[in-house]
Amino acid sequence: MRRTLRILGTVMIAAGVLMLAWAVTVWQWQDPFTAALHAQDQRGLEHTFDRRLDEGRVVIATPAVSAAEIRDQLSRTATKWRKDSKQGDAIARLRIPKLGVTEIVVNGTDSGSLKRGPGRYLGTAMPGEGELVYIAGHRTTYGAPFARIDRLRRGDRVFMELPYGTFEYSITGHRIVEATDISVLKSKGFEQIALQACHPRFFASHRYIAYGKAVGFTARGTNQRTPLE
């Protein structure tokens, strides 16, 4: 009996150590199992998005035209890209240098889409339409692209690459709201990106939202940066 109890105690201690190690791993980094699935999905999305870039390439005439004309071109092109993109499609490449994030963004924020990558809420705009672009992402599982979203500070840059060019946003601040607060999905009438993740980590009671304003646009295939401020 004593030997059995000793073995049982050893097993329980080992299990506790493993659980603690698992919790520390997820807290410091992310869930490795869902991360592996996410990485596989992202490789497939990368291939699909690169193909869509070539097929959907659009030339925005930036030289020798006014800022108003550029905005008009962007609005029409972005609206078409939004309407041509189905739920789950790879629609953009997101880069956040401060966080070391490079991810393909999918169209939609349903659970299946968010397992594959950050997702654009379908009720919001596409970059270039001059309205709110709302992007949600996981914080602890499936690659945890927004794990360190709270490290973003005013002035940090966010880039969104699409077939018609790359948008540059500058972080302006953040908000923490209840998960049921849908008012954050309403556009303020100007080009703005919102990056959203659950808050605090491991819980879904609130949302952490980092906001950024559009400050520049670079047409695809050129080095011509057009200020958007």
Protein backbone atom coordinates (compact mmCIF):
# COMPACT_ATOMS: atom_id res chain seq x y z
CA MET A 1 0.00 0.00 0.00
CA ARG A 2 2.78 2.44 0.93
CA ARG A 3 4.58 1.71 -2.33
CA THR A 4 1.39 2.35 -4.26
CA LEU A 5 0.87 5.64 -2.43
CA ARG A 6 4.45 6.71 -3.13
CA ILE A 7 4.04 5.95 -6.83
CA LEU A 8 0.72 7.79 -6.92
CA GLY A 9 2.27 10.77 -5.14
CA THR A 10 5.17 10.85 -7.59
CA VAL A 11 2.79 10.73 -10.55
CA MET A 12 0.71 13.56 -9.13
CA ILE A 13 3.79 15.70 -8.50
CA ALA A 14 5.07 15.04 -12.02
CA ALA A 15 1.65 15.93 -13.45
CA GLY A 16 1.61 19.14 -11.45
CA VAL A 17 5.09 20.10 -12.67
CA LEU A 18 4.05 19.43 -16.27
CA MET A 19 0.89 21.50 -15.89
CA LEU A 20 2.89 24.35 -14.39
CA ALA A 21 5.45 24.16 -17.20
CA TRP A 22 2.62 24.19 -19.75
CA ALA A 23 1.00 27.24 -18.11
CA VAL A 24 4.32 29.11 -18.06
CA THR A 25 4.97 28.24 -21.72
CA VAL A 26 1.57 29.52 -22.83
CA TRP A 27 1.83 32.63 -20.65
CA GLN A 28 5.29 33.60 -21.89
CA TRP A 29 4.81 32.59 -25.52
CA GLN A 30 1.71 30.76 -26.77
CA ASP A 31 0.03 27.38 -27.06
CA PRO A 32 2.55 25.35 -29.14
CA PHE A 33 0.00 22.88 -30.52
CA THR A 34 -2.39 25.44 -31.99
CA ALA A 35 0.65 27.49 -33.05
CA ALA A 36 1.77 24.61 -35.27
CA LEU A 37 -1.67 24.40 -36.89
CA HIS A 38 -1.69 28.17 -37.36
CA ALA A 39 1.76 28.16 -38.99
CA GLN A 40 0.58 25.55 -41.49
CA ASP A 41 -2.52 27.62 -42.29
CA GLN A 42 -0.43 30.77 -42.71
CA ARG A 43 1.86 29.05 -45.23
CA GLY A 44 -1.18 28.17 -47.31
CA LEU A 45 -2.60 31.68 -46.97
CA GLU A 46 0.75 33.19 -47.96
CA HIS A 47 0.75 31.21 -51.18
CA THR A 48 -2.88 32.12 -51.90
CA PHE A 49 -2.36 35.80 -51.10
CA ASP A 50 0.72 36.08 -53.34
CA ARG A 51 -1.35 34.62 -56.17
CA ARG A 52 -4.16 37.09 -55.46
CA LEU A 53 -1.61 39.92 -55.46
CA ASP A 54 -0.59 39.05 -58.99
CA GLU A 55 -4.12 38.43 -60.23
CA GLY A 56 -5.60 41.50 -58.57
CA ARG A 57 -2.75 43.92 -59.23
CA VAL A 58 -4.04 47.47 -59.62
CA VAL A 59 -1.96 50.48 -60.62
CA ILE A 60 -2.74 53.61 -58.62
CA ALA A 61 -1.51 56.68 -60.49
CA THR A 62 0.24 58.61 -57.72
CA PRO A 63 2.65 60.91 -59.60
CA ALA A 64 1.36 64.28 -60.77
CA VAL A 65 -2.12 63.88 -59.31
CA SER A 66 -3.69 65.57 -56.33
CA ALA A 67 -4.21 63.97 -52.93
CA ALA A 68 -7.96 64.13 -53.51
CA GLU A 69 -7.64 62.21 -56.79
CA ILE A 70 -5.48 59.57 -55.11
CA ARG A 71 -8.02 59.15 -52.32
CA ASP A 72 -10.80 58.79 -54.90
CA GLN A 73 -8.85 56.12 -56.80
CA LEU A 74 -8.10 54.28 -53.56
CA SER A 75 -11.70 54.38 -52.41
CA ARG A 76 -13.03 52.88 -55.64
CA THR A 77 -10.27 50.24 -55.81
CA ALA A 78 -10.61 49.28 -52.14
CA THR A 79 -14.38 48.95 -52.40
CA LYS A 80 -14.00 46.61 -55.37
CA TRP A 81 -11.42 44.51 -53.49
CA ARG A 82 -13.79 44.26 -50.52
CA LYS A 83 -16.73 43.20 -52.69
CA ASP A 84 -14.60 40.68 -54.61
CA SER A 85 -13.31 39.05 -51.40
CA LYS A 86 -15.31 36.23 -49.87
CA GLN A 87 -15.37 35.18 -46.23
CA GLY A 88 -12.16 33.34 -45.37
CA ASP A 89 -10.18 34.77 -48.29
CA ALA A 90 -6.62 35.99 -47.80
CA ILE A 91 -6.97 39.76 -48.24
CA ALA A 92 -3.84 41.51 -46.91
CA ARG A 93 -0.40 41.15 -45.37
CA LEU A 94 -0.19 42.75 -41.94
CA ARG A 95 3.17 43.88 -40.53
CA ILE A 96 3.70 45.29 -37.04
CA PRO A 97 7.46 45.85 -36.63
CA LYS A 98 7.22 46.70 -32.92
CA LEU A 99 5.72 43.27 -32.19
CA GLY A 100 7.67 41.32 -34.82
CA VAL A 101 4.37 40.35 -36.45
CA THR A 102 3.94 39.45 -40.12
CA GLU A 103 0.62 37.73 -40.81
CA ILE A 104 -1.78 37.17 -43.67
CA VAL A 105 -5.15 38.70 -42.80
CA VAL A 106 -8.30 36.75 -43.62
CA ASN A 107 -11.72 38.12 -44.49
CA GLY A 108 -13.96 37.54 -41.50
CA THR A 109 -13.81 37.17 -37.72
CA ASP A 110 -15.68 33.88 -37.26
CA SER A 111 -13.86 31.30 -35.15
CA GLY A 112 -12.70 29.29 -38.16
CA SER A 113 -11.16 32.33 -39.85
CA LEU A 114 -9.40 33.57 -36.71
CA LYS A 115 -7.71 30.20 -36.26
CA ARG A 116 -5.96 30.83 -39.58
CA GLY A 117 -4.92 34.43 -39.00
CA PRO A 118 -6.04 37.90 -37.92
CA GLY A 119 -9.43 38.68 -39.43
CA ARG A 120 -11.17 41.77 -40.81
CA TYR A 121 -14.61 42.30 -39.33
CA LEU A 122 -16.90 42.10 -42.36
CA GLY A 123 -18.98 45.09 -41.29
CA THR A 124 -16.02 47.44 -41.55
CA ALA A 125 -14.01 48.88 -44.42
CA MET A 126 -11.06 47.71 -46.47
CA PRO A 127 -7.89 49.85 -46.29
CA GLY A 128 -8.32 52.78 -48.66
CA GLU A 129 -12.07 53.24 -48.26
CA GLY A 130 -11.58 56.08 -45.80
CA GLU A 131 -13.40 54.39 -42.93
CA LEU A 132 -12.70 52.09 -39.96
CA VAL A 133 -10.70 48.92 -40.71
CA TYR A 134 -11.27 46.53 -37.78
CA ILE A 135 -8.85 43.61 -37.37
CA ALA A 136 -9.20 40.98 -34.63
CA GLY A 137 -6.65 38.37 -33.62
CA HIS A 138 -5.89 35.75 -30.99
CA ARG A 139 -3.70 36.55 -27.99
CA THR A 140 -2.70 33.12 -26.61
CA THR A 141 -3.63 30.49 -29.20
CA TYR A 142 -3.35 29.89 -32.96
CA GLY A 143 -0.11 31.80 -33.42
CA ALA A 144 -1.15 34.48 -30.92
CA PRO A 145 -0.46 37.31 -33.40
CA PHE A 146 -1.72 39.94 -30.92
CA ALA A 147 -0.16 38.42 -27.80
CA ARG A 148 1.75 41.62 -27.00
CA ILE A 149 -0.74 44.12 -28.35
CA ASP A 150 -0.49 46.09 -25.10
CA ARG A 151 3.13 46.93 -25.95
CA LEU A 152 2.08 49.18 -28.82
CA ARG A 153 2.73 52.83 -28.11
CA ARG A 154 1.80 56.11 -29.77
CA GLY A 155 3.73 56.49 -33.01
CA ASP A 156 4.41 52.77 -33.59
CA ARG A 157 3.78 51.77 -37.20
CA VAL A 158 1.39 49.23 -38.67
CA PHE A 159 1.48 48.26 -42.36
CA MET A 160 -1.20 46.64 -44.52
CA GLU A 161 -0.18 45.37 -47.97
CA LEU A 162 -2.86 44.83 -50.62
CA PRO A 163 -2.87 44.41 -54.42
CA TYR A 164 -3.18 48.17 -54.91
CA GLY A 165 -0.45 49.18 -52.47
CA THR A 166 0.70 49.36 -48.85
CA PHE A 167 -0.94 51.51 -46.17
CA GLU A 168 1.02 52.88 -43.25
CA TYR A 169 -0.76 53.59 -39.97
CA SER A 170 0.55 55.29 -36.84
CA ILE A 171 -0.71 54.10 -33.44
CA THR A 172 -2.63 56.84 -31.65
CA GLY A 173 -3.75 55.07 -28.48
CA HIS A 174 -5.89 52.25 -27.11
CA ARG A 175 -9.14 51.43 -25.33
CA ILE A 176 -10.30 48.56 -23.13
CA VAL A 177 -13.99 47.81 -23.51
CA GLU A 178 -16.42 45.11 -22.50
CA ALA A 179 -16.71 42.22 -24.95
CA THR A 180 -20.36 43.13 -25.56
CA ASP A 181 -19.61 46.72 -26.58
CA ILE A 182 -20.34 46.82 -30.32
CA SER A 183 -20.09 50.61 -30.54
CA VAL A 184 -16.36 50.17 -31.28
CA LEU A 185 -17.31 48.79 -34.69
CA LYS A 186 -18.79 52.11 -35.79
CA SER A 187 -16.60 54.16 -38.11
CA LYS A 188 -15.75 57.75 -37.20
CA GLY A 189 -15.77 58.74 -40.86
CA PHE A 190 -12.03 58.69 -41.56
CA GLU A 191 -9.33 56.13 -42.40
CA GLN A 192 -8.46 54.34 -39.17
CA ILE A 193 -7.25 50.87 -38.21
CA ALA A 194 -8.29 49.08 -35.02
CA LEU A 195 -6.41 46.00 -33.79
CA GLN A 196 -8.42 43.98 -31.29
CA ALA A 197 -7.59 41.13 -28.90
CA CYS A 198 -9.16 39.61 -25.80
CA HIS A 199 -8.29 41.23 -22.47
CA PRO A 200 -6.87 40.28 -20.10
CA ARG A 201 -4.90 37.36 -21.55
CA PHE A 202 -6.66 33.99 -21.09
CA PHE A 203 -10.01 35.72 -20.58
CA ALA A 204 -12.67 37.04 -22.94
CA SER A 205 -14.58 39.44 -20.70
CA HIS A 206 -13.07 42.55 -22.32
CA ARG A 207 -11.39 43.67 -25.53
CA TYR A 208 -8.10 45.53 -25.88
CA ILE A 209 -8.21 47.76 -28.97
CA ALA A 210 -5.19 49.62 -30.36
CA TYR A 211 -6.04 52.39 -32.82
CA GLY A 212 -3.97 53.84 -35.63
CA LYS A 213 -4.48 56.64 -38.15
CA ALA A 214 -3.49 56.40 -41.81
CA VAL A 215 -0.33 58.41 -42.47
CA GLY A 216 0.91 57.15 -45.81
CA PHE A 217 0.28 55.03 -48.90
CA THR A 218 2.82 53.46 -51.27
CA ALA A 219 1.46 52.27 -54.62
CA ARG A 220 2.41 48.71 -55.52
CA GLY A 221 5.52 48.45 -57.63
CA THR A 222 6.78 51.93 -56.75
CA ASN A 223 8.69 53.70 -53.99
CA GLN A 224 6.38 56.69 -54.22
CA ARG A 225 4.96 57.32 -50.74
CA THR A 226 1.91 59.55 -50.62
CA PRO A 227 1.11 61.21 -47.25
CA LEU A 228 -2.44 60.57 -46.08
CA GLU A 229 -2.48 62.73 -42.98
